[in-house]
Amino acid sequence: MQLEAYGKEPDIPEKLFEILKAQREGLAALRNTYGPVVTPSQLEEL
């Protein structure tokens, strides 16, 4: 949703989209490893 919302705004730095993409990829990796719910103790294992 953030990509869609910010994508409509003029003059948004490309760096923001790079960060959002990296966050999305990281969250997808966590979901693939631990499932849809990731606990704080699972994050400590990383």
C-alpha atoms as a PDB file:
ATOM      1  CA  MET A   1       0.000   0.000   0.000  1.00  0.00           C
ATOM      2  CA  GLN A   2       2.843   2.377   0.776  1.00  0.00           C
ATOM      3  CA  LEU A   3       4.358   1.966  -2.676  1.00  0.00           C
ATOM      4  CA  GLU A   4       1.028   2.797  -4.247  1.00  0.00           C
ATOM      5  CA  ALA A   5       0.419   5.804  -1.999  1.00  0.00           C
ATOM      6  CA  TYR A   6       3.892   7.307  -2.333  1.00  0.00           C
ATOM      7  CA  GLY A   7       4.044   6.450  -6.033  1.00  0.00           C
ATOM      8  CA  LYS A   8       1.321   9.021  -6.690  1.00  0.00           C
ATOM      9  CA  GLU A   9       3.264  11.820  -5.024  1.00  0.00           C
ATOM     10  CA  PRO A  10       5.645  13.945  -7.066  1.00  0.00           C
ATOM     11  CA  ASP A  11       9.273  14.394  -6.055  1.00  0.00           C
ATOM     12  CA  ILE A  12       9.531  11.367  -3.774  1.00  0.00           C
ATOM     13  CA  PRO A  13      13.179  10.224  -3.665  1.00  0.00           C
ATOM     14  CA  GLU A  14      13.918   6.851  -5.251  1.00  0.00           C
ATOM     15  CA  LYS A  15      15.749   5.872  -2.055  1.00  0.00           C
ATOM     16  CA  LEU A  16      12.388   5.551  -0.261  1.00  0.00           C
ATOM     17  CA  PHE A  17      11.208   2.959  -2.780  1.00  0.00           C
ATOM     18  CA  GLU A  18      14.480   1.046  -2.408  1.00  0.00           C
ATOM     19  CA  ILE A  19      14.017   0.939   1.372  1.00  0.00           C
ATOM     20  CA  LEU A  20      10.379  -0.145   1.116  1.00  0.00           C
ATOM     21  CA  LYS A  21      11.348  -2.893  -1.326  1.00  0.00           C
ATOM     22  CA  ALA A  22      14.102  -4.149   0.987  1.00  0.00           C
ATOM     23  CA  GLN A  23      11.710  -4.172   3.948  1.00  0.00           C
ATOM     24  CA  ARG A  24       9.115  -6.083   1.960  1.00  0.00           C
ATOM     25  CA  GLU A  25      11.688  -8.671   0.883  1.00  0.00           C
ATOM     26  CA  GLY A  26      12.896  -9.067   4.471  1.00  0.00           C
ATOM     27  CA  LEU A  27       9.374  -9.560   5.764  1.00  0.00           C
ATOM     28  CA  ALA A  28       8.641 -12.098   3.029  1.00  0.00           C
ATOM     29  CA  ALA A  29      11.775 -14.028   4.011  1.00  0.00           C
ATOM     30  CA  LEU A  30      10.640 -14.092   7.640  1.00  0.00           C
ATOM     31  CA  ARG A  31       7.200 -15.319   6.595  1.00  0.00           C
ATOM     32  CA  ASN A  32       8.758 -18.081   4.480  1.00  0.00           C
ATOM     33  CA  THR A  33      10.942 -19.177   7.382  1.00  0.00           C
ATOM     34  CA  TYR A  34       8.582 -18.857  10.367  1.00  0.00           C
ATOM     35  CA  GLY A  35       5.089 -18.637   8.883  1.00  0.00           C
ATOM     36  CA  PRO A  36       2.578 -15.790   9.111  1.00  0.00           C
ATOM     37  CA  VAL A  37       3.302 -14.985  12.781  1.00  0.00           C
ATOM     38  CA  VAL A  38       6.856 -14.221  13.897  1.00  0.00           C
ATOM     39  CA  THR A  39       7.525 -13.887  17.612  1.00  0.00           C
ATOM     40  CA  PRO A  40      10.172 -11.658  19.200  1.00  0.00           C
ATOM     41  CA  SER A  41      12.073 -14.720  20.390  1.00  0.00           C
ATOM     42  CA  GLN A  42      12.303 -15.953  16.792  1.00  0.00           C
ATOM     43  CA  LEU A  43      13.739 -12.588  15.757  1.00  0.00           C
ATOM     44  CA  GLU A  44      16.382 -12.888  18.491  1.00  0.00           C
ATOM     45  CA  GLU A  45      17.579 -16.094  16.842  1.00  0.00           C
ATOM     46  CA  LEU A  46      18.657 -14.110  13.802  1.00  0.00           C
END
